[in-house]
Amino acid sequence: MVEELREQIIDEAGLERGGGDTRRFFGLGPWQRLILALLLFANVALCGFMGLVMMGRVLPPF
C-alpha cells in the first residue's frame, strides 16, 4: 500500500525515477557551479575591500 502511494506521488509530481540528478542549479554542471561560487566569492571580497578602503579602515599598500 505504501509503495502504491509512493508511485502515485511520483507520477503526479512528475518526478524522475532513478539516479538522475534532480537538484541542478539552473541546469549547470558541478564545475560550472564551482566557477560561479568562486566568482561570487571574489565579487564579495572585492566589494568588501573597496568599502573598507573608502571608509579609511584599511590603507592600500601602494
N, C-alpha and C. Protein backbone atom coordinates (compact mmCIF):
# COMPACT_ATOMS: atom_id res chain seq x y z
N MET A 1 0.82 -1.19 0.00
CA MET A 1 0.00 0.00 0.00
C MET A 1 0.87 1.26 0.00
N VAL A 2 1.91 1.27 0.81
CA VAL A 2 2.79 2.43 0.86
C VAL A 2 3.52 2.60 -0.46
N GLU A 3 3.90 1.48 -1.06
CA GLU A 3 4.59 1.55 -2.36
C GLU A 3 3.68 2.13 -3.43
N GLU A 4 2.40 1.79 -3.40
CA GLU A 4 1.44 2.33 -4.37
C GLU A 4 1.28 3.84 -4.19
N LEU A 5 1.22 4.30 -2.94
CA LEU A 5 1.11 5.73 -2.68
C LEU A 5 2.37 6.47 -3.16
N ARG A 6 3.53 5.86 -2.94
CA ARG A 6 4.79 6.46 -3.38
C ARG A 6 4.81 6.58 -4.90
N GLU A 7 4.40 5.56 -5.59
CA GLU A 7 4.35 5.58 -7.05
C GLU A 7 3.38 6.65 -7.54
N GLN A 8 2.24 6.78 -6.87
CA GLN A 8 1.24 7.76 -7.27
C GLN A 8 1.77 9.18 -7.08
N ILE A 9 2.45 9.43 -5.99
CA ILE A 9 3.01 10.76 -5.75
C ILE A 9 4.08 11.08 -6.76
N ILE A 10 4.92 10.11 -7.08
CA ILE A 10 5.98 10.32 -8.07
C ILE A 10 5.37 10.63 -9.43
N ASP A 11 4.32 9.92 -9.81
CA ASP A 11 3.69 10.15 -11.10
C ASP A 11 3.00 11.51 -11.16
N GLU A 12 2.32 11.90 -10.09
CA GLU A 12 1.60 13.17 -10.08
C GLU A 12 2.55 14.36 -10.06
N ALA A 13 3.65 14.23 -9.35
CA ALA A 13 4.59 15.34 -9.25
C ALA A 13 5.48 15.44 -10.47
N GLY A 14 5.51 14.42 -11.29
CA GLY A 14 6.34 14.44 -12.48
C GLY A 14 7.81 14.26 -12.18
N LEU A 15 8.11 13.63 -11.06
CA LEU A 15 9.50 13.40 -10.68
C LEU A 15 10.09 12.26 -11.49
N GLU A 16 11.39 12.35 -11.71
CA GLU A 16 12.07 11.30 -12.45
C GLU A 16 12.44 10.16 -11.51
N ARG A 17 12.41 9.00 -12.03
CA ARG A 17 12.84 7.85 -11.26
C ARG A 17 14.28 7.54 -11.62
N GLY A 18 14.95 6.92 -10.71
CA GLY A 18 16.33 6.53 -10.99
C GLY A 18 17.30 7.46 -10.31
N GLY A 19 18.57 7.32 -10.68
CA GLY A 19 19.62 8.07 -10.01
C GLY A 19 19.94 9.38 -10.68
N GLY A 20 19.04 9.93 -11.44
CA GLY A 20 19.31 11.19 -12.12
C GLY A 20 19.45 12.33 -11.12
N ASP A 21 20.24 13.32 -11.48
CA ASP A 21 20.46 14.47 -10.62
C ASP A 21 19.29 15.44 -10.81
N THR A 22 18.37 15.45 -9.86
CA THR A 22 17.19 16.30 -9.99
C THR A 22 17.38 17.65 -9.32
N ARG A 23 18.50 17.84 -8.59
CA ARG A 23 18.72 19.11 -7.90
C ARG A 23 19.80 19.91 -8.62
N ARG A 24 19.55 20.25 -9.85
CA ARG A 24 20.52 21.03 -10.62
C ARG A 24 20.18 22.50 -10.47
N PHE A 25 21.18 23.33 -10.44
CA PHE A 25 21.03 24.76 -10.26
C PHE A 25 21.07 25.42 -11.62
N PHE A 26 19.93 25.79 -12.17
CA PHE A 26 19.79 26.41 -13.48
C PHE A 26 20.42 25.56 -14.59
N GLY A 27 20.45 24.26 -14.40
CA GLY A 27 20.99 23.37 -15.41
C GLY A 27 22.50 23.38 -15.51
N LEU A 28 23.19 23.88 -14.48
CA LEU A 28 24.64 23.96 -14.51
C LEU A 28 25.26 22.66 -14.00
N GLY A 29 26.39 22.34 -14.55
CA GLY A 29 27.15 21.18 -14.09
C GLY A 29 27.92 21.52 -12.82
N PRO A 30 28.53 20.53 -12.18
CA PRO A 30 29.27 20.78 -10.94
C PRO A 30 30.43 21.76 -11.11
N TRP A 31 31.19 21.64 -12.19
CA TRP A 31 32.33 22.55 -12.37
C TRP A 31 31.86 23.96 -12.66
N GLN A 32 30.70 24.11 -13.32
CA GLN A 32 30.17 25.44 -13.59
C GLN A 32 29.67 26.10 -12.30
N ARG A 33 29.08 25.28 -11.42
CA ARG A 33 28.66 25.82 -10.12
C ARG A 33 29.86 26.25 -9.29
N LEU A 34 30.96 25.51 -9.39
CA LEU A 34 32.18 25.87 -8.67
C LEU A 34 32.72 27.21 -9.16
N ILE A 35 32.77 27.38 -10.47
CA ILE A 35 33.25 28.65 -11.04
C ILE A 35 32.34 29.80 -10.61
N LEU A 36 31.04 29.58 -10.64
CA LEU A 36 30.09 30.60 -10.23
C LEU A 36 30.29 30.97 -8.75
N ALA A 37 30.50 29.97 -7.91
CA ALA A 37 30.73 30.23 -6.48
C ALA A 37 32.03 31.00 -6.27
N LEU A 38 33.08 30.66 -7.02
CA LEU A 38 34.35 31.37 -6.89
C LEU A 38 34.23 32.82 -7.34
N LEU A 39 33.50 33.04 -8.43
CA LEU A 39 33.30 34.42 -8.91
C LEU A 39 32.47 35.23 -7.91
N LEU A 40 31.47 34.62 -7.32
CA LEU A 40 30.67 35.31 -6.31
C LEU A 40 31.51 35.66 -5.09
N PHE A 41 32.36 34.72 -4.65
CA PHE A 41 33.24 34.98 -3.52
C PHE A 41 34.19 36.13 -3.84
N ALA A 42 34.79 36.13 -5.03
CA ALA A 42 35.70 37.20 -5.42
C ALA A 42 34.99 38.55 -5.46
N ASN A 43 33.76 38.56 -5.95
CA ASN A 43 32.99 39.80 -6.03
C ASN A 43 32.72 40.36 -4.62
N VAL A 44 32.31 39.50 -3.70
CA VAL A 44 32.02 39.94 -2.34
C VAL A 44 33.29 40.42 -1.65
N ALA A 45 34.40 39.69 -1.84
CA ALA A 45 35.67 40.09 -1.23
C ALA A 45 36.14 41.43 -1.77
N LEU A 46 36.04 41.63 -3.08
CA LEU A 46 36.47 42.89 -3.68
C LEU A 46 35.60 44.05 -3.22
N CYS A 47 34.30 43.85 -3.19
CA CYS A 47 33.40 44.92 -2.73
C CYS A 47 33.64 45.25 -1.26
N GLY A 48 33.90 44.24 -0.45
CA GLY A 48 34.21 44.47 0.96
C GLY A 48 35.50 45.23 1.13
N PHE A 49 36.52 44.86 0.38
CA PHE A 49 37.80 45.56 0.45
C PHE A 49 37.65 47.01 0.01
N MET A 50 36.90 47.24 -1.07
CA MET A 50 36.69 48.61 -1.55
C MET A 50 35.94 49.44 -0.51
N GLY A 51 34.96 48.82 0.16
CA GLY A 51 34.23 49.54 1.21
C GLY A 51 35.14 49.91 2.38
N LEU A 52 36.02 48.99 2.78
CA LEU A 52 36.95 49.30 3.86
C LEU A 52 37.93 50.40 3.48
N VAL A 53 38.39 50.40 2.24
CA VAL A 53 39.30 51.45 1.78
C VAL A 53 38.59 52.80 1.77
N MET A 54 37.33 52.84 1.30
CA MET A 54 36.59 54.10 1.24
C MET A 54 36.30 54.65 2.64
N MET A 55 36.11 53.76 3.62
CA MET A 55 35.87 54.22 4.99
C MET A 55 37.17 54.59 5.71
N GLY A 56 38.30 54.27 5.11
CA GLY A 56 39.57 54.61 5.71
C GLY A 56 40.03 53.61 6.76
N ARG A 57 39.40 52.45 6.83
CA ARG A 57 39.78 51.44 7.82
C ARG A 57 41.02 50.66 7.39
N VAL A 58 41.23 50.58 6.07
CA VAL A 58 42.37 49.86 5.52
C VAL A 58 43.04 50.76 4.49
N LEU A 59 44.34 50.80 4.55
CA LEU A 59 45.08 51.58 3.55
C LEU A 59 45.70 50.63 2.55
N PRO A 60 45.56 50.89 1.26
CA PRO A 60 46.19 50.01 0.26
C PRO A 60 47.70 50.11 0.36
N PRO A 61 48.40 49.04 0.04
CA PRO A 61 49.85 49.02 0.23
C PRO A 61 50.63 49.85 -0.79
N PHE A 62 49.98 50.42 -1.78
CA PHE A 62 50.73 51.20 -2.78
C PHE A 62 50.57 52.66 -2.57
